[in-house]
Amino acid sequence: MRRKLMDILVCPMCRGELRLKVGVERDGEIVEGSLTCKACDEIYPIEDTIPNMLPPSLRD
């Protein structure tokens, strides 16, 4: 995931602003980490450069 995606991503549950936590960053891309909603505290994982923005009940 590229950092500039943060300009357009919002929480799919409440449309709140997201906070980025980077675990691994390589060549300007976030490989692992998470996005946390500042409003509802829902956490969305970033794995293999892809943010999983599905609601919790639809993951896995």
Protein backbone atom coordinates (compact mmCIF):
# COMPACT_ATOMS: atom_id res chain seq x y z
CA MET A 1 0.00 0.00 0.00
CA ARG A 2 1.32 3.45 -0.82
CA ARG A 3 1.08 6.18 1.83
CA LYS A 4 -0.82 8.51 -0.50
CA LEU A 5 -3.82 6.14 -0.31
CA MET A 6 -4.38 7.58 3.17
CA ASP A 7 -5.77 10.69 1.43
CA ILE A 8 -8.77 8.73 0.12
CA LEU A 9 -9.28 5.79 2.50
CA VAL A 10 -11.94 6.00 5.23
CA CYS A 11 -13.39 3.45 7.61
CA PRO A 12 -16.00 1.37 5.75
CA MET A 13 -18.02 0.99 8.97
CA CYS A 14 -18.46 4.64 10.00
CA ARG A 15 -16.58 6.70 7.35
CA GLY A 16 -14.16 7.88 10.06
CA GLU A 17 -10.56 8.95 9.56
CA LEU A 18 -7.93 6.19 9.67
CA ARG A 19 -4.62 6.13 11.54
CA LEU A 20 -1.73 4.23 9.89
CA LYS A 21 0.61 1.92 11.83
CA VAL A 22 3.52 0.63 9.73
CA GLY A 23 5.09 -2.73 10.56
CA VAL A 24 7.24 -3.27 7.46
CA GLU A 25 7.90 -0.75 4.70
CA ARG A 26 9.93 -1.59 1.61
CA ASP A 27 10.71 0.55 -1.46
CA GLY A 28 8.12 3.17 -0.48
CA GLU A 29 5.32 0.62 0.00
CA ILE A 30 3.79 -0.51 3.27
CA VAL A 31 4.08 -4.30 3.24
CA GLU A 32 2.65 -5.01 6.71
CA GLY A 33 0.82 -2.89 9.23
CA SER A 34 -2.67 -1.78 10.13
CA LEU A 35 -5.23 0.97 9.76
CA THR A 36 -7.22 1.95 12.85
CA CYS A 37 -10.36 4.07 12.74
CA LYS A 38 -10.08 7.13 14.98
CA ALA A 39 -13.88 7.17 15.50
CA CYS A 40 -14.94 3.54 16.09
CA ASP A 41 -11.52 1.92 16.85
CA GLU A 42 -11.99 -0.83 14.22
CA ILE A 43 -8.66 -2.25 12.99
CA TYR A 44 -7.97 -3.18 9.37
CA PRO A 45 -4.82 -5.23 8.69
CA ILE A 46 -2.36 -4.56 5.87
CA GLU A 47 -0.83 -7.80 4.59
CA ASP A 48 1.40 -8.24 1.53
CA THR A 49 0.85 -4.53 0.64
CA ILE A 50 -2.97 -4.94 0.57
CA PRO A 51 -5.24 -3.28 3.15
CA ASN A 52 -8.13 -5.57 4.12
CA MET A 53 -10.99 -3.09 4.32
CA LEU A 54 -13.73 -5.69 4.71
CA PRO A 55 -15.97 -5.38 7.77
CA PRO A 56 -14.82 -7.74 10.55
CA SER A 57 -17.73 -10.13 10.03
CA LEU A 58 -16.71 -10.73 6.39
CA ARG A 59 -12.97 -11.37 6.89
CA ASP A 60 -11.31 -14.80 6.40
